[in-house]
């Protein structure tokens, strides 16, 4: 497996590129190999895979995270369609606290993003019928499931969808702003 790890503007968040072997039939790609990821500096144990399907373009999911001791790192990739993916640093004391990184992921590119523990994660679909698969490093723990308001002005996220056009769950419409979050990642 060939894996390339590229730190983003917040270096703990990384773009992952894996090799695709293509021919007239299509392609084959080994998207995750624990040994090769560890050799590239990503030594995480993933315990659960989550698959999200969004029928409509401009579906917003997030910004979500789990609190310790059930905090999750996520390895996110797109199976069909495309997303604009966002990670917000919630680590109190971090020089990038409250800052975010964002990038487009698509089935076509095959790129992935590694979102470490201590970050809120969210996305908006850029195409209809988008499917996202992501690995997490801790099991879902409903009592530790939290969120951050996706359009909080303090985050200054330039979402590629207006608040009016976004398709958002009732849960995500009422998440707290950054200023109202307790310091869960100190």
C-alpha atoms as a PDB file:
ATOM      1  CA  UNK A   1       0.000   0.000   0.000  1.00  0.00           C
ATOM      2  CA  UNK A   2       1.168   3.483  -0.737  1.00  0.00           C
ATOM      3  CA  UNK A   3      -0.153   6.061   1.723  1.00  0.00           C
ATOM      4  CA  UNK A   4       0.663   9.769   1.706  1.00  0.00           C
ATOM      5  CA  UNK A   5      -0.137  11.795   4.820  1.00  0.00           C
ATOM      6  CA  UNK A   6      -0.385  15.580   4.396  1.00  0.00           C
ATOM      7  CA  UNK A   7      -0.846  17.810   7.471  1.00  0.00           C
ATOM      8  CA  UNK A   8      -3.438  20.551   6.921  1.00  0.00           C
ATOM      9  CA  UNK A   9      -3.403  24.123   8.283  1.00  0.00           C
ATOM     10  CA  UNK A  10      -4.005  22.630  11.745  1.00  0.00           C
ATOM     11  CA  UNK A  11      -1.264  19.969  11.510  1.00  0.00           C
ATOM     12  CA  UNK A  12      -3.006  17.362  13.680  1.00  0.00           C
ATOM     13  CA  UNK A  13      -5.733  17.132  11.016  1.00  0.00           C
ATOM     14  CA  UNK A  14      -4.438  15.280   7.988  1.00  0.00           C
ATOM     15  CA  UNK A  15      -5.355  14.549   4.387  1.00  0.00           C
ATOM     16  CA  UNK A  16      -4.732  10.904   3.535  1.00  0.00           C
ATOM     17  CA  UNK A  17      -4.080   9.778  -0.021  1.00  0.00           C
ATOM     18  CA  UNK A  18      -3.881   6.118  -0.941  1.00  0.00           C
ATOM     19  CA  UNK A  19      -2.831   4.582  -4.217  1.00  0.00           C
ATOM     20  CA  UNK A  20      -5.429   3.550  -6.780  1.00  0.00           C
ATOM     21  CA  UNK A  21      -4.601   0.823  -9.275  1.00  0.00           C
ATOM     22  CA  UNK A  22      -6.761   1.311 -12.334  1.00  0.00           C
ATOM     23  CA  UNK A  23      -7.413  -0.343 -15.634  1.00  0.00           C
ATOM     24  CA  UNK A  24     -10.251  -0.545 -18.147  1.00  0.00           C
ATOM     25  CA  UNK A  25     -12.512  -2.169 -15.512  1.00  0.00           C
ATOM     26  CA  UNK A  26     -12.134   0.589 -12.935  1.00  0.00           C
ATOM     27  CA  UNK A  27      -9.758   0.679  -9.971  1.00  0.00           C
ATOM     28  CA  UNK A  28      -8.690  -1.104  -6.788  1.00  0.00           C
ATOM     29  CA  UNK A  29      -7.579   0.783  -3.693  1.00  0.00           C
ATOM     30  CA  UNK A  30      -6.540  -0.391  -0.255  1.00  0.00           C
ATOM     31  CA  UNK A  31      -8.070   2.450   1.752  1.00  0.00           C
ATOM     32  CA  UNK A  32      -6.866   1.373   5.190  1.00  0.00           C
ATOM     33  CA  UNK A  33      -4.025  -0.841   6.364  1.00  0.00           C
ATOM     34  CA  UNK A  34      -3.100  -0.555  10.061  1.00  0.00           C
ATOM     35  CA  UNK A  35       0.566  -1.440   9.454  1.00  0.00           C
ATOM     36  CA  UNK A  36       1.028   1.119   6.665  1.00  0.00           C
ATOM     37  CA  UNK A  37      -0.864   3.831   8.537  1.00  0.00           C
ATOM     38  CA  UNK A  38       1.304   3.219  11.636  1.00  0.00           C
ATOM     39  CA  UNK A  39       4.446   3.465   9.491  1.00  0.00           C
ATOM     40  CA  UNK A  40       3.114   6.841   8.261  1.00  0.00           C
ATOM     41  CA  UNK A  41       2.672   8.039  11.868  1.00  0.00           C
ATOM     42  CA  UNK A  42      -1.022   7.197  12.340  1.00  0.00           C
ATOM     43  CA  UNK A  43      -1.157   4.523  15.002  1.00  0.00           C
ATOM     44  CA  UNK A  44      -4.840   4.384  15.928  1.00  0.00           C
ATOM     45  CA  UNK A  45      -7.168   1.503  16.613  1.00  0.00           C
ATOM     46  CA  UNK A  46     -10.503   1.907  14.869  1.00  0.00           C
ATOM     47  CA  UNK A  47     -13.405   0.042  16.482  1.00  0.00           C
ATOM     48  CA  UNK A  48     -16.463   0.985  14.442  1.00  0.00           C
ATOM     49  CA  UNK A  49     -17.372   1.938  10.869  1.00  0.00           C
ATOM     50  CA  UNK A  50     -20.237   4.371  10.220  1.00  0.00           C
ATOM     51  CA  UNK A  51     -21.955   4.833   6.868  1.00  0.00           C
ATOM     52  CA  UNK A  52     -24.043   7.954   6.180  1.00  0.00           C
ATOM     53  CA  UNK A  53     -26.211   8.448   3.101  1.00  0.00           C
ATOM     54  CA  UNK A  54     -27.576  11.870   2.193  1.00  0.00           C
ATOM     55  CA  UNK A  55     -30.165  11.989  -0.575  1.00  0.00           C
ATOM     56  CA  UNK A  56     -29.993  15.732  -1.200  1.00  0.00           C
ATOM     57  CA  UNK A  57     -27.232  18.194  -1.989  1.00  0.00           C
ATOM     58  CA  UNK A  58     -26.593  20.704   0.843  1.00  0.00           C
ATOM     59  CA  UNK A  59     -27.305  18.230   3.646  1.00  0.00           C
ATOM     60  CA  UNK A  60     -25.365  19.369   6.712  1.00  0.00           C
ATOM     61  CA  UNK A  61     -24.204  16.828   9.287  1.00  0.00           C
ATOM     62  CA  UNK A  62     -22.488  18.163  12.375  1.00  0.00           C
ATOM     63  CA  UNK A  63     -20.567  19.611  13.961  1.00  0.00           C
ATOM     64  CA  UNK A  64     -20.315  16.505  16.190  1.00  0.00           C
ATOM     65  CA  UNK A  65     -17.896  15.070  18.757  1.00  0.00           C
ATOM     66  CA  UNK A  66     -17.818  12.738  21.761  1.00  0.00           C
ATOM     67  CA  UNK A  67     -16.438  13.782  25.131  1.00  0.00           C
ATOM     68  CA  UNK A  68     -13.746  11.878  27.066  1.00  0.00           C
ATOM     69  CA  UNK A  69     -13.348   9.109  27.965  1.00  0.00           C
ATOM     70  CA  UNK A  70     -15.198   8.208  24.761  1.00  0.00           C
ATOM     71  CA  UNK A  71     -13.626  10.836  22.470  1.00  0.00           C
ATOM     72  CA  UNK A  72     -13.284   9.695  18.875  1.00  0.00           C
ATOM     73  CA  UNK A  73     -10.728  10.134  16.146  1.00  0.00           C
ATOM     74  CA  UNK A  74     -12.346   9.771  12.708  1.00  0.00           C
ATOM     75  CA  UNK A  75     -11.027   8.635   9.342  1.00  0.00           C
ATOM     76  CA  UNK A  76     -13.516   9.919   6.754  1.00  0.00           C
ATOM     77  CA  UNK A  77     -13.918   9.073   3.063  1.00  0.00           C
ATOM     78  CA  UNK A  78     -16.604   9.453   0.416  1.00  0.00           C
ATOM     79  CA  UNK A  79     -18.023   6.413  -1.390  1.00  0.00           C
ATOM     80  CA  UNK A  80     -20.245   8.346  -3.810  1.00  0.00           C
ATOM     81  CA  UNK A  81     -20.738  12.045  -4.430  1.00  0.00           C
ATOM     82  CA  UNK A  82     -18.745  14.762  -2.686  1.00  0.00           C
ATOM     83  CA  UNK A  83     -18.606  16.663   0.610  1.00  0.00           C
ATOM     84  CA  UNK A  84     -17.046  19.751   2.080  1.00  0.00           C
ATOM     85  CA  UNK A  85     -15.565  18.449   5.314  1.00  0.00           C
ATOM     86  CA  UNK A  86     -14.796  20.576   8.389  1.00  0.00           C
ATOM     87  CA  UNK A  87     -12.829  19.951  11.600  1.00  0.00           C
ATOM     88  CA  UNK A  88     -12.955  22.509  14.459  1.00  0.00           C
ATOM     89  CA  UNK A  89     -10.285  22.466  17.188  1.00  0.00           C
ATOM     90  CA  UNK A  90     -11.904  22.217  20.642  1.00  0.00           C
ATOM     91  CA  UNK A  91      -8.672  21.575  22.578  1.00  0.00           C
ATOM     92  CA  UNK A  92      -8.516  24.306  25.210  1.00  0.00           C
ATOM     93  CA  UNK A  93      -5.000  25.740  25.304  1.00  0.00           C
ATOM     94  CA  UNK A  94      -4.259  24.755  21.715  1.00  0.00           C
ATOM     95  CA  UNK A  95      -2.917  27.632  19.604  1.00  0.00           C
ATOM     96  CA  UNK A  96      -5.641  26.791  17.078  1.00  0.00           C
ATOM     97  CA  UNK A  97      -8.518  26.539  19.595  1.00  0.00           C
ATOM     98  CA  UNK A  98     -11.746  27.520  17.834  1.00  0.00           C
ATOM     99  CA  UNK A  99     -10.068  27.481  14.412  1.00  0.00           C
ATOM    100  CA  UNK A 100     -11.064  25.088  11.668  1.00  0.00           C
ATOM    101  CA  UNK A 101      -9.766  23.373   8.575  1.00  0.00           C
ATOM    102  CA  UNK A 102     -11.901  22.331   5.636  1.00  0.00           C
ATOM    103  CA  UNK A 103     -11.400  20.436   2.423  1.00  0.00           C
ATOM    104  CA  UNK A 104     -13.412  18.842  -0.322  1.00  0.00           C
ATOM    105  CA  UNK A 105     -13.544  15.054  -0.380  1.00  0.00           C
ATOM    106  CA  UNK A 106     -15.072  13.104  -3.228  1.00  0.00           C
ATOM    107  CA  UNK A 107     -15.507   9.569  -4.433  1.00  0.00           C
ATOM    108  CA  UNK A 108     -13.598  10.594  -7.528  1.00  0.00           C
ATOM    109  CA  UNK A 109     -10.464  11.709  -5.665  1.00  0.00           C
ATOM    110  CA  UNK A 110     -10.513   8.990  -3.015  1.00  0.00           C
ATOM    111  CA  UNK A 111      -8.830  11.335  -0.519  1.00  0.00           C
ATOM    112  CA  UNK A 112      -9.598  10.890   3.182  1.00  0.00           C
ATOM    113  CA  UNK A 113      -9.350  13.151   6.213  1.00  0.00           C
ATOM    114  CA  UNK A 114      -8.112  12.148   9.652  1.00  0.00           C
ATOM    115  CA  UNK A 115      -9.871  14.135  12.373  1.00  0.00           C
ATOM    116  CA  UNK A 116      -8.192  13.511  15.752  1.00  0.00           C
ATOM    117  CA  UNK A 117      -9.789  13.470  19.180  1.00  0.00           C
ATOM    118  CA  UNK A 118     -10.513  16.961  20.471  1.00  0.00           C
ATOM    119  CA  UNK A 119     -12.146  18.206  17.274  1.00  0.00           C
ATOM    120  CA  UNK A 120     -15.755  18.718  16.253  1.00  0.00           C
ATOM    121  CA  UNK A 121     -16.452  17.272  12.816  1.00  0.00           C
ATOM    122  CA  UNK A 122     -19.046  18.208  10.238  1.00  0.00           C
ATOM    123  CA  UNK A 123     -19.785  18.166   6.551  1.00  0.00           C
ATOM    124  CA  UNK A 124     -22.107  19.406   3.862  1.00  0.00           C
ATOM    125  CA  UNK A 125     -22.897  17.362   0.780  1.00  0.00           C
ATOM    126  CA  UNK A 126     -21.954  18.907  -2.557  1.00  0.00           C
ATOM    127  CA  UNK A 127     -23.848  16.375  -4.665  1.00  0.00           C
ATOM    128  CA  UNK A 128     -27.068  14.393  -4.339  1.00  0.00           C
ATOM    129  CA  UNK A 129     -26.882  10.750  -3.276  1.00  0.00           C
ATOM    130  CA  UNK A 130     -23.666  11.183  -1.331  1.00  0.00           C
ATOM    131  CA  UNK A 131     -22.396   8.340   0.810  1.00  0.00           C
ATOM    132  CA  UNK A 132     -19.747   8.805   3.487  1.00  0.00           C
ATOM    133  CA  UNK A 133     -17.933   6.038   5.341  1.00  0.00           C
ATOM    134  CA  UNK A 134     -15.921   6.816   8.424  1.00  0.00           C
ATOM    135  CA  UNK A 135     -13.973   4.808  10.939  1.00  0.00           C
ATOM    136  CA  UNK A 136     -13.987   5.875  14.599  1.00  0.00           C
ATOM    137  CA  UNK A 137     -11.554   5.062  17.404  1.00  0.00           C
ATOM    138  CA  UNK A 138     -14.192   4.734  20.157  1.00  0.00           C
ATOM    139  CA  UNK A 139     -17.629   3.163  20.217  1.00  0.00           C
ATOM    140  CA  UNK A 140     -20.684   5.388  20.061  1.00  0.00           C
ATOM    141  CA  UNK A 141     -21.526   6.555  23.600  1.00  0.00           C
ATOM    142  CA  UNK A 142     -24.883   8.403  23.635  1.00  0.00           C
ATOM    143  CA  UNK A 143     -24.183  10.020  27.019  1.00  0.00           C
ATOM    144  CA  UNK A 144     -21.002  11.581  25.565  1.00  0.00           C
ATOM    145  CA  UNK A 145     -22.472  12.633  22.216  1.00  0.00           C
ATOM    146  CA  UNK A 146     -22.178  16.408  21.781  1.00  0.00           C
ATOM    147  CA  UNK A 147     -22.329  19.038  19.096  1.00  0.00           C
ATOM    148  CA  UNK A 148     -21.438  22.564  18.138  1.00  0.00           C
ATOM    149  CA  UNK A 149     -23.669  24.923  16.164  1.00  0.00           C
ATOM    150  CA  UNK A 150     -22.585  24.481  12.551  1.00  0.00           C
ATOM    151  CA  UNK A 151     -23.078  28.143  11.605  1.00  0.00           C
ATOM    152  CA  UNK A 152     -21.716  29.770  14.794  1.00  0.00           C
ATOM    153  CA  UNK A 153     -20.319  33.131  13.565  1.00  0.00           C
ATOM    154  CA  UNK A 154     -17.386  32.824  15.990  1.00  0.00           C
ATOM    155  CA  UNK A 155     -16.103  29.867  13.949  1.00  0.00           C
ATOM    156  CA  UNK A 156     -16.010  31.910  10.707  1.00  0.00           C
ATOM    157  CA  UNK A 157     -16.621  28.803   8.600  1.00  0.00           C
ATOM    158  CA  UNK A 158     -17.349  29.734   5.006  1.00  0.00           C
ATOM    159  CA  UNK A 159     -19.824  26.936   4.312  1.00  0.00           C
ATOM    160  CA  UNK A 160     -20.634  26.425   0.604  1.00  0.00           C
ATOM    161  CA  UNK A 161     -24.353  26.620   1.424  1.00  0.00           C
ATOM    162  CA  UNK A 162     -26.528  29.324   2.952  1.00  0.00           C
ATOM    163  CA  UNK A 163     -28.295  28.753   6.262  1.00  0.00           C
ATOM    164  CA  UNK A 164     -31.615  28.968   4.388  1.00  0.00           C
ATOM    165  CA  UNK A 165     -30.682  26.338   1.786  1.00  0.00           C
ATOM    166  CA  UNK A 166     -29.035  23.923   4.237  1.00  0.00           C
ATOM    167  CA  UNK A 167     -30.857  20.724   5.128  1.00  0.00           C
ATOM    168  CA  UNK A 168     -30.176  20.290   8.841  1.00  0.00           C
ATOM    169  CA  UNK A 169     -31.496  17.879  11.485  1.00  0.00           C
ATOM    170  CA  UNK A 170     -33.515  19.250  14.399  1.00  0.00           C
ATOM    171  CA  UNK A 171     -30.662  18.186  16.704  1.00  0.00           C
ATOM    172  CA  UNK A 172     -28.061  20.161  14.750  1.00  0.00           C
ATOM    173  CA  UNK A 173     -30.224  23.301  14.590  1.00  0.00           C
ATOM    174  CA  UNK A 174     -30.008  23.772  18.377  1.00  0.00           C
ATOM    175  CA  UNK A 175     -26.410  22.880  19.229  1.00  0.00           C
ATOM    176  CA  UNK A 176     -24.527  25.360  21.445  1.00  0.00           C
ATOM    177  CA  UNK A 177     -22.124  28.009  20.186  1.00  0.00           C
ATOM    178  CA  UNK A 178     -18.404  27.722  20.907  1.00  0.00           C
ATOM    179  CA  UNK A 179     -18.655  30.370  23.651  1.00  0.00           C
ATOM    180  CA  UNK A 180     -21.230  28.201  25.466  1.00  0.00           C
ATOM    181  CA  UNK A 181     -19.301  24.916  25.318  1.00  0.00           C
ATOM    182  CA  UNK A 182     -17.694  23.645  28.499  1.00  0.00           C
ATOM    183  CA  UNK A 183     -13.968  22.892  28.282  1.00  0.00           C
ATOM    184  CA  UNK A 184     -14.246  19.172  27.537  1.00  0.00           C
ATOM    185  CA  UNK A 185     -10.832  18.843  25.823  1.00  0.00           C
ATOM    186  CA  UNK A 186      -8.518  20.598  28.307  1.00  0.00           C
END
